[in-house]
Amino acid sequence: MPANPEQTSSPLSVGDLWKGCELLARSPQMFTSAISSCTIESDAGGRMIRSITFQQGQAEEMKQEIILTDMHKFDCITLETGNRVTTIIFRGVTDSPQDLYLSLEYSIPYGQNSTEGLDGEKFRAMYTERAKRNLVDGLKTIRQLKLDGKLH
C-alpha cells in the first residue's frame, strides 16, 4: 500500500514509517483500542519479548517476540501459536523519497483450518481484508503522530 498517496499533504519519510514501527512494537495500544496494555519483558535492541493484554470482554494476555530489522522490517511472532505478522517498508521505482510502500504479511499455521475449498477462501479473504484495514489504520495513526510531533 502506498505510504504517500498523491493527495497527501503530510508525506511520511522512511524515518517516520520506521519510528511508527518502533512505536507499534513498544506501544501497540496507540494503534488499536483492542489492546489495553503492553509490557516489554526483555529488550536486546532490535529483539524484544512483549506481553500484550487484550480488553475485549474478558482480558486475555498474549506473549510475542518482536524483531526489528534495519529500518525496513518488523516481525511479530506470537510465541504460543507461531503466528507471524511481518510489516515491510520498501521504496518504489522512482527516485522520490516519498515513493514508499508499506506491506503486511500474515503467516499463520492453519492447524484445524483447511486451506482448501470455500473454507480456505474465506480464511484468506478474512486475512486479506484485515491486512488492508490494519495498513490503512496504521498509516493514519503514524501520520497523526507525526502531525502531533510524537514521532521522535
N, C-alpha and C. Protein backbone atom coordinates (compact mmCIF):
# COMPACT_ATOMS: atom_id res chain seq x y z
N MET A 1 0.84 -1.17 0.00
CA MET A 1 0.00 0.00 0.00
C MET A 1 0.89 1.24 0.00
N PRO A 2 0.59 2.23 -0.84
CA PRO A 2 1.39 3.45 -0.85
C PRO A 2 1.33 4.17 0.49
N ALA A 3 2.48 4.56 1.01
CA ALA A 3 2.53 5.32 2.27
C ALA A 3 2.14 6.77 2.04
N ASN A 4 2.37 7.26 0.82
CA ASN A 4 2.10 8.65 0.49
C ASN A 4 1.28 8.77 -0.79
N PRO A 5 -0.03 8.55 -0.69
CA PRO A 5 -0.86 8.73 -1.89
C PRO A 5 -0.72 10.16 -2.41
N GLU A 6 -1.00 10.38 -3.68
CA GLU A 6 -0.78 11.68 -4.32
C GLU A 6 -1.44 12.85 -3.59
N GLN A 7 -2.60 12.64 -3.00
CA GLN A 7 -3.32 13.74 -2.36
C GLN A 7 -2.83 14.03 -0.93
N THR A 8 -1.79 13.35 -0.47
CA THR A 8 -1.31 13.53 0.90
C THR A 8 -0.62 14.87 1.08
N SER A 9 -1.11 15.64 2.06
CA SER A 9 -0.50 16.94 2.34
C SER A 9 0.63 16.82 3.36
N SER A 10 0.71 15.70 4.07
CA SER A 10 1.75 15.49 5.07
C SER A 10 2.45 14.16 4.77
N PRO A 11 3.42 14.17 3.83
CA PRO A 11 4.07 12.92 3.44
C PRO A 11 4.91 12.33 4.57
N LEU A 12 5.00 11.00 4.58
CA LEU A 12 5.81 10.28 5.55
C LEU A 12 7.13 9.88 4.91
N SER A 13 8.20 9.96 5.69
CA SER A 13 9.52 9.53 5.22
C SER A 13 9.78 8.10 5.70
N VAL A 14 10.87 7.51 5.24
CA VAL A 14 11.27 6.19 5.74
C VAL A 14 11.45 6.26 7.25
N GLY A 15 12.08 7.33 7.72
CA GLY A 15 12.29 7.51 9.16
C GLY A 15 10.98 7.58 9.93
N ASP A 16 9.98 8.28 9.37
CA ASP A 16 8.66 8.36 10.01
C ASP A 16 8.03 6.98 10.11
N LEU A 17 8.07 6.25 9.00
CA LEU A 17 7.48 4.91 8.99
C LEU A 17 8.18 4.00 9.99
N TRP A 18 9.52 4.10 10.06
CA TRP A 18 10.27 3.25 10.98
C TRP A 18 9.96 3.63 12.43
N LYS A 19 9.90 4.91 12.74
CA LYS A 19 9.54 5.34 14.09
C LYS A 19 8.14 4.82 14.44
N GLY A 20 7.24 4.83 13.47
CA GLY A 20 5.91 4.27 13.68
C GLY A 20 5.97 2.78 14.00
N CYS A 21 6.83 2.04 13.29
CA CYS A 21 7.00 0.61 13.57
C CYS A 21 7.57 0.39 14.97
N GLU A 22 8.53 1.23 15.36
CA GLU A 22 9.10 1.11 16.70
C GLU A 22 8.04 1.39 17.77
N LEU A 23 7.20 2.39 17.54
CA LEU A 23 6.12 2.67 18.49
C LEU A 23 5.12 1.52 18.53
N LEU A 24 4.81 0.96 17.37
CA LEU A 24 3.90 -0.18 17.31
C LEU A 24 4.47 -1.36 18.09
N ALA A 25 5.79 -1.56 18.02
CA ALA A 25 6.43 -2.65 18.75
C ALA A 25 6.35 -2.43 20.26
N ARG A 26 6.57 -1.21 20.70
CA ARG A 26 6.65 -0.92 22.14
C ARG A 26 5.33 -0.48 22.77
N SER A 27 4.47 0.12 21.97
CA SER A 27 3.20 0.66 22.49
C SER A 27 2.06 0.37 21.51
N PRO A 28 1.74 -0.91 21.29
CA PRO A 28 0.71 -1.22 20.28
C PRO A 28 -0.67 -0.67 20.63
N GLN A 29 -0.90 -0.37 21.89
CA GLN A 29 -2.19 0.19 22.29
C GLN A 29 -2.42 1.57 21.68
N MET A 30 -1.35 2.22 21.19
CA MET A 30 -1.51 3.50 20.49
C MET A 30 -2.17 3.31 19.12
N PHE A 31 -2.14 2.06 18.62
CA PHE A 31 -2.62 1.78 17.27
C PHE A 31 -3.97 1.06 17.24
N THR A 32 -4.39 0.49 18.36
CA THR A 32 -5.68 -0.21 18.40
C THR A 32 -6.26 -0.16 19.79
N SER A 33 -7.55 0.07 19.87
CA SER A 33 -8.22 0.10 21.17
C SER A 33 -8.44 -1.31 21.72
N ALA A 34 -8.21 -2.34 20.91
CA ALA A 34 -8.38 -3.73 21.38
C ALA A 34 -7.30 -4.11 22.40
N ILE A 35 -6.16 -3.43 22.37
CA ILE A 35 -5.06 -3.72 23.29
C ILE A 35 -5.10 -2.70 24.41
N SER A 36 -5.17 -3.21 25.64
CA SER A 36 -5.24 -2.28 26.78
C SER A 36 -3.88 -2.00 27.40
N SER A 37 -2.91 -2.93 27.26
CA SER A 37 -1.59 -2.67 27.83
C SER A 37 -0.53 -3.52 27.14
N CYS A 38 0.71 -3.07 27.30
CA CYS A 38 1.86 -3.78 26.74
C CYS A 38 3.01 -3.65 27.73
N THR A 39 3.62 -4.78 28.06
CA THR A 39 4.78 -4.80 28.95
C THR A 39 5.95 -5.39 28.18
N ILE A 40 7.06 -4.66 28.12
CA ILE A 40 8.27 -5.18 27.49
C ILE A 40 9.02 -5.99 28.55
N GLU A 41 9.12 -7.30 28.33
CA GLU A 41 9.75 -8.18 29.31
C GLU A 41 11.25 -8.27 29.14
N SER A 42 11.71 -8.20 27.91
CA SER A 42 13.15 -8.16 27.64
C SER A 42 13.38 -7.37 26.37
N ASP A 43 14.52 -6.69 26.32
CA ASP A 43 14.80 -5.82 25.18
C ASP A 43 16.29 -5.87 24.88
N ALA A 44 16.61 -6.44 23.73
CA ALA A 44 18.01 -6.52 23.28
C ALA A 44 18.15 -5.72 21.99
N GLY A 45 17.74 -4.46 22.04
CA GLY A 45 17.82 -3.60 20.86
C GLY A 45 16.75 -3.95 19.85
N GLY A 46 17.11 -4.63 18.80
CA GLY A 46 16.17 -4.97 17.74
C GLY A 46 15.36 -6.22 18.00
N ARG A 47 15.50 -6.79 19.19
CA ARG A 47 14.78 -8.02 19.52
C ARG A 47 14.20 -7.89 20.93
N MET A 48 12.90 -8.12 21.06
CA MET A 48 12.28 -7.98 22.38
C MET A 48 11.17 -9.00 22.56
N ILE A 49 10.82 -9.23 23.80
CA ILE A 49 9.66 -10.03 24.16
C ILE A 49 8.69 -9.08 24.85
N ARG A 50 7.44 -9.11 24.39
CA ARG A 50 6.42 -8.27 25.00
C ARG A 50 5.21 -9.12 25.36
N SER A 51 4.49 -8.66 26.37
CA SER A 51 3.20 -9.25 26.72
C SER A 51 2.16 -8.17 26.51
N ILE A 52 1.15 -8.50 25.71
CA ILE A 52 0.07 -7.55 25.47
C ILE A 52 -1.21 -8.11 26.08
N THR A 53 -2.04 -7.21 26.54
CA THR A 53 -3.33 -7.60 27.11
C THR A 53 -4.43 -7.03 26.23
N PHE A 54 -5.31 -7.92 25.80
CA PHE A 54 -6.48 -7.53 25.02
C PHE A 54 -7.63 -7.32 25.99
N GLN A 55 -8.41 -6.29 25.77
CA GLN A 55 -9.53 -6.00 26.65
C GLN A 55 -10.81 -6.02 25.85
N GLN A 56 -11.16 -7.17 25.32
CA GLN A 56 -12.42 -7.35 24.61
C GLN A 56 -13.19 -8.40 25.39
N GLY A 57 -14.13 -7.96 26.21
CA GLY A 57 -14.81 -8.89 27.09
C GLY A 57 -13.85 -9.26 28.22
N GLN A 58 -13.53 -10.54 28.34
CA GLN A 58 -12.60 -11.00 29.37
C GLN A 58 -11.17 -10.72 28.93
N ALA A 59 -10.35 -10.18 29.83
CA ALA A 59 -8.96 -9.84 29.50
C ALA A 59 -8.20 -11.10 29.09
N GLU A 60 -7.39 -10.97 28.05
CA GLU A 60 -6.58 -12.09 27.54
C GLU A 60 -5.18 -11.56 27.29
N GLU A 61 -4.17 -12.32 27.74
CA GLU A 61 -2.78 -11.90 27.56
C GLU A 61 -2.11 -12.75 26.49
N MET A 62 -1.23 -12.13 25.71
CA MET A 62 -0.51 -12.81 24.65
C MET A 62 0.96 -12.39 24.72
N LYS A 63 1.86 -13.37 24.63
CA LYS A 63 3.30 -13.09 24.65
C LYS A 63 3.81 -13.18 23.21
N GLN A 64 4.61 -12.17 22.82
CA GLN A 64 5.11 -12.09 21.45
C GLN A 64 6.59 -11.74 21.43
N GLU A 65 7.28 -12.26 20.41
CA GLU A 65 8.65 -11.84 20.14
C GLU A 65 8.59 -10.83 19.01
N ILE A 66 9.31 -9.74 19.18
CA ILE A 66 9.37 -8.69 18.17
C ILE A 66 10.80 -8.61 17.64
N ILE A 67 10.94 -8.59 16.32
CA ILE A 67 12.25 -8.45 15.69
C ILE A 67 12.19 -7.26 14.74
N LEU A 68 13.00 -6.25 15.01
CA LEU A 68 13.08 -5.05 14.17
C LEU A 68 14.39 -5.12 13.38
N THR A 69 14.31 -5.04 12.05
CA THR A 69 15.48 -5.25 11.20
C THR A 69 15.74 -4.05 10.29
N ASP A 70 16.88 -3.41 10.48
CA ASP A 70 17.46 -2.43 9.54
C ASP A 70 16.48 -1.42 8.96
N MET A 71 15.66 -0.81 9.76
CA MET A 71 14.73 0.22 9.32
C MET A 71 13.85 -0.19 8.14
N HIS A 72 13.56 -1.49 8.01
CA HIS A 72 12.66 -1.86 6.92
C HIS A 72 11.74 -3.03 7.23
N LYS A 73 12.01 -3.80 8.28
CA LYS A 73 11.21 -5.00 8.52
C LYS A 73 10.91 -5.15 10.01
N PHE A 74 9.64 -5.45 10.31
CA PHE A 74 9.16 -5.60 11.68
C PHE A 74 8.40 -6.92 11.72
N ASP A 75 8.94 -7.91 12.45
CA ASP A 75 8.28 -9.20 12.64
C ASP A 75 7.69 -9.27 14.03
N CYS A 76 6.48 -9.79 14.12
CA CYS A 76 5.81 -10.01 15.39
C CYS A 76 5.35 -11.46 15.41
N ILE A 77 5.95 -12.27 16.31
CA ILE A 77 5.66 -13.69 16.38
C ILE A 77 4.97 -14.00 17.71
N THR A 78 3.78 -14.58 17.64
CA THR A 78 3.08 -15.00 18.85
C THR A 78 3.70 -16.31 19.31
N LEU A 79 4.26 -16.31 20.51
CA LEU A 79 5.04 -17.45 20.98
C LEU A 79 4.20 -18.72 21.13
N GLU A 80 2.98 -18.60 21.58
CA GLU A 80 2.14 -19.78 21.82
C GLU A 80 1.72 -20.49 20.53
N THR A 81 1.45 -19.73 19.48
CA THR A 81 0.89 -20.31 18.25
C THR A 81 1.84 -20.35 17.07
N GLY A 82 2.88 -19.52 17.10
CA GLY A 82 3.77 -19.41 15.94
C GLY A 82 3.26 -18.46 14.88
N ASN A 83 2.09 -17.85 15.10
CA ASN A 83 1.57 -16.87 14.13
C ASN A 83 2.58 -15.75 13.98
N ARG A 84 2.79 -15.32 12.73
CA ARG A 84 3.75 -14.25 12.45
C ARG A 84 3.09 -13.21 11.57
N VAL A 85 3.30 -11.94 11.96
CA VAL A 85 2.88 -10.82 11.13
C VAL A 85 4.14 -10.03 10.80
N THR A 86 4.39 -9.83 9.52
CA THR A 86 5.58 -9.11 9.06
C THR A 86 5.15 -7.82 8.37
N THR A 87 5.72 -6.72 8.83
CA THR A 87 5.49 -5.42 8.20
C THR A 87 6.79 -5.03 7.51
N ILE A 88 6.70 -4.62 6.24
CA ILE A 88 7.89 -4.26 5.46
C ILE A 88 7.69 -2.87 4.86
N ILE A 89 8.73 -2.05 5.02
CA ILE A 89 8.78 -0.73 4.38
C ILE A 89 9.66 -0.88 3.14
N PHE A 90 9.17 -0.47 1.98
CA PHE A 90 10.03 -0.52 0.80
C PHE A 90 9.79 0.67 -0.11
N ARG A 91 10.81 0.94 -0.91
CA ARG A 91 10.78 2.09 -1.83
C ARG A 91 10.16 1.69 -3.16
N GLY A 92 9.57 2.69 -3.81
CA GLY A 92 9.02 2.47 -5.14
C GLY A 92 10.11 2.55 -6.19
N VAL A 93 9.73 2.67 -7.44
CA VAL A 93 10.70 2.65 -8.54
C VAL A 93 11.21 4.03 -8.93
N THR A 94 10.60 5.09 -8.39
CA THR A 94 11.08 6.43 -8.73
C THR A 94 12.19 6.84 -7.76
N ASP A 95 12.82 7.97 -8.04
CA ASP A 95 13.86 8.49 -7.15
C ASP A 95 13.29 9.33 -6.02
N SER A 96 12.00 9.52 -6.00
CA SER A 96 11.38 10.37 -4.99
C SER A 96 11.48 9.72 -3.61
N PRO A 97 11.91 10.47 -2.59
CA PRO A 97 11.96 9.93 -1.23
C PRO A 97 10.56 9.65 -0.65
N GLN A 98 9.55 10.17 -1.33
CA GLN A 98 8.18 9.93 -0.89
C GLN A 98 7.54 8.71 -1.54
N ASP A 99 8.24 8.08 -2.48
CA ASP A 99 7.73 6.89 -3.17
C ASP A 99 7.99 5.68 -2.28
N LEU A 100 7.15 5.53 -1.27
CA LEU A 100 7.32 4.50 -0.25
C LEU A 100 6.06 3.65 -0.14
N TYR A 101 6.25 2.41 0.25
CA TYR A 101 5.14 1.48 0.41
C TYR A 101 5.28 0.76 1.74
N LEU A 102 4.14 0.36 2.28
CA LEU A 102 4.09 -0.43 3.49
C LEU A 102 3.32 -1.70 3.16
N SER A 103 3.89 -2.83 3.53
CA SER A 103 3.29 -4.12 3.23
C SER A 103 3.12 -4.90 4.52
N LEU A 104 2.09 -5.72 4.57
CA LEU A 104 1.79 -6.53 5.73
C LEU A 104 1.56 -7.96 5.27
N GLU A 105 2.23 -8.91 5.92
CA GLU A 105 2.09 -10.32 5.56
C GLU A 105 1.77 -11.13 6.80
N TYR A 106 0.74 -11.96 6.70
CA TYR A 106 0.39 -12.87 7.78
C TYR A 106 0.92 -14.26 7.43
N SER A 107 1.57 -14.89 8.39
CA SER A 107 2.00 -16.28 8.25
C SER A 107 1.41 -17.02 9.44
N ILE A 108 0.32 -17.73 9.18
CA ILE A 108 -0.45 -18.33 10.26
C ILE A 108 -0.55 -19.83 10.05
N PRO A 109 0.01 -20.61 10.99
CA PRO A 109 -0.17 -22.06 10.88
C PRO A 109 -1.66 -22.37 10.89
N TYR A 110 -2.11 -23.13 9.92
CA TYR A 110 -3.54 -23.34 9.76
C TYR A 110 -4.15 -24.26 10.81
N GLY A 111 -3.38 -25.19 11.36
CA GLY A 111 -3.94 -26.07 12.39
C GLY A 111 -5.19 -26.75 11.91
N GLN A 112 -6.31 -26.46 12.53
CA GLN A 112 -7.59 -27.08 12.20
C GLN A 112 -8.27 -26.44 10.99
N ASN A 113 -7.75 -25.33 10.52
CA ASN A 113 -8.37 -24.63 9.40
C ASN A 113 -7.88 -25.20 8.08
N SER A 114 -8.79 -25.53 7.22
CA SER A 114 -8.44 -26.05 5.90
C SER A 114 -8.06 -24.89 4.99
N THR A 115 -7.03 -25.09 4.18
CA THR A 115 -6.64 -24.07 3.21
C THR A 115 -7.28 -24.34 1.86
N GLU A 116 -8.09 -25.39 1.78
CA GLU A 116 -8.72 -25.79 0.52
C GLU A 116 -10.19 -25.34 0.48
N GLY A 117 -10.72 -25.27 -0.73
CA GLY A 117 -12.13 -25.03 -0.93
C GLY A 117 -12.64 -23.72 -0.38
N LEU A 118 -13.93 -23.69 -0.09
CA LEU A 118 -14.61 -22.47 0.36
C LEU A 118 -14.07 -22.00 1.71
N ASP A 119 -13.79 -22.91 2.64
CA ASP A 119 -13.24 -22.51 3.94
C ASP A 119 -11.90 -21.82 3.78
N GLY A 120 -11.05 -22.36 2.94
CA GLY A 120 -9.75 -21.75 2.69
C GLY A 120 -9.89 -20.37 2.07
N GLU A 121 -10.81 -20.23 1.13
CA GLU A 121 -11.05 -18.93 0.50
C GLU A 121 -11.53 -17.91 1.54
N LYS A 122 -12.44 -18.32 2.42
CA LYS A 122 -12.95 -17.41 3.46
C LYS A 122 -11.82 -17.00 4.40
N PHE A 123 -10.98 -17.96 4.79
CA PHE A 123 -9.86 -17.70 5.69
C PHE A 123 -8.90 -16.69 5.08
N ARG A 124 -8.52 -16.91 3.80
CA ARG A 124 -7.61 -15.99 3.12
C ARG A 124 -8.25 -14.62 2.92
N ALA A 125 -9.53 -14.59 2.58
CA ALA A 125 -10.24 -13.32 2.38
C ALA A 125 -10.29 -12.52 3.69
N MET A 126 -10.52 -13.22 4.81
CA MET A 126 -10.58 -12.55 6.10
C MET A 126 -9.24 -11.87 6.41
N TYR A 127 -8.12 -12.59 6.19
CA TYR A 127 -6.82 -12.01 6.50
C TYR A 127 -6.40 -10.96 5.48
N THR A 128 -6.83 -11.07 4.25
CA THR A 128 -6.56 -10.03 3.24
C THR A 128 -7.25 -8.74 3.65
N GLU A 129 -8.50 -8.84 4.05
CA GLU A 129 -9.26 -7.65 4.49
C GLU A 129 -8.65 -7.07 5.76
N ARG A 130 -8.26 -7.94 6.69
CA ARG A 130 -7.64 -7.47 7.94
C ARG A 130 -6.34 -6.72 7.64
N ALA A 131 -5.53 -7.25 6.72
CA ALA A 131 -4.26 -6.60 6.37
C ALA A 131 -4.51 -5.21 5.80
N LYS A 132 -5.47 -5.09 4.89
CA LYS A 132 -5.80 -3.79 4.30
C LYS A 132 -6.23 -2.80 5.37
N ARG A 133 -7.12 -3.24 6.25
CA ARG A 133 -7.63 -2.36 7.31
C ARG A 133 -6.49 -1.94 8.24
N ASN A 134 -5.62 -2.90 8.61
CA ASN A 134 -4.50 -2.57 9.51
C ASN A 134 -3.52 -1.61 8.86
N LEU A 135 -3.26 -1.76 7.56
CA LEU A 135 -2.36 -0.84 6.86
C LEU A 135 -2.95 0.57 6.81
N VAL A 136 -4.22 0.68 6.44
CA VAL A 136 -4.87 1.99 6.36
C VAL A 136 -4.87 2.65 7.74
N ASP A 137 -5.28 1.89 8.76
CA ASP A 137 -5.33 2.45 10.12
C ASP A 137 -3.94 2.78 10.64
N GLY A 138 -2.96 1.92 10.37
CA GLY A 138 -1.59 2.16 10.83
C GLY A 138 -0.98 3.40 10.21
N LEU A 139 -1.16 3.58 8.90
CA LEU A 139 -0.63 4.77 8.23
C LEU A 139 -1.33 6.03 8.74
N LYS A 140 -2.62 5.93 8.99
CA LYS A 140 -3.37 7.08 9.52
C LYS A 140 -2.82 7.46 10.90
N THR A 141 -2.57 6.46 11.74
CA THR A 141 -2.04 6.72 13.09
C THR A 141 -0.64 7.31 13.02
N ILE A 142 0.23 6.76 12.17
CA ILE A 142 1.59 7.28 12.04
C ILE A 142 1.56 8.72 11.55
N ARG A 143 0.71 9.01 10.58
CA ARG A 143 0.61 10.37 10.05
C ARG A 143 0.13 11.33 11.14
N GLN A 144 -0.85 10.91 11.94
CA GLN A 144 -1.35 11.77 13.01
C GLN A 144 -0.28 11.98 14.09
N LEU A 145 0.47 10.91 14.43
CA LEU A 145 1.55 11.05 15.41
C LEU A 145 2.60 12.04 14.90
N LYS A 146 2.88 12.01 13.59
CA LYS A 146 3.83 12.96 13.01
C LYS A 146 3.30 14.38 13.14
N LEU A 147 2.03 14.58 12.77
CA LEU A 147 1.43 15.91 12.87
C LEU A 147 1.40 16.43 14.30
N ASP A 148 1.25 15.51 15.26
CA ASP A 148 1.22 15.88 16.69
C ASP A 148 2.61 16.02 17.29
N GLY A 149 3.66 15.78 16.46
CA GLY A 149 5.04 15.90 16.95
C GLY A 149 5.47 14.76 17.87
N LYS A 150 4.86 13.59 17.73
CA LYS A 150 5.15 12.48 18.63
C LYS A 150 6.00 11.38 18.01
N LEU A 151 6.53 11.62 16.83
CA LEU A 151 7.46 10.66 16.20
C LEU A 151 8.88 11.14 16.45
N HIS A 152 9.48 10.68 17.51
CA HIS A 152 10.86 11.12 17.84
C HIS A 152 11.78 9.93 17.82
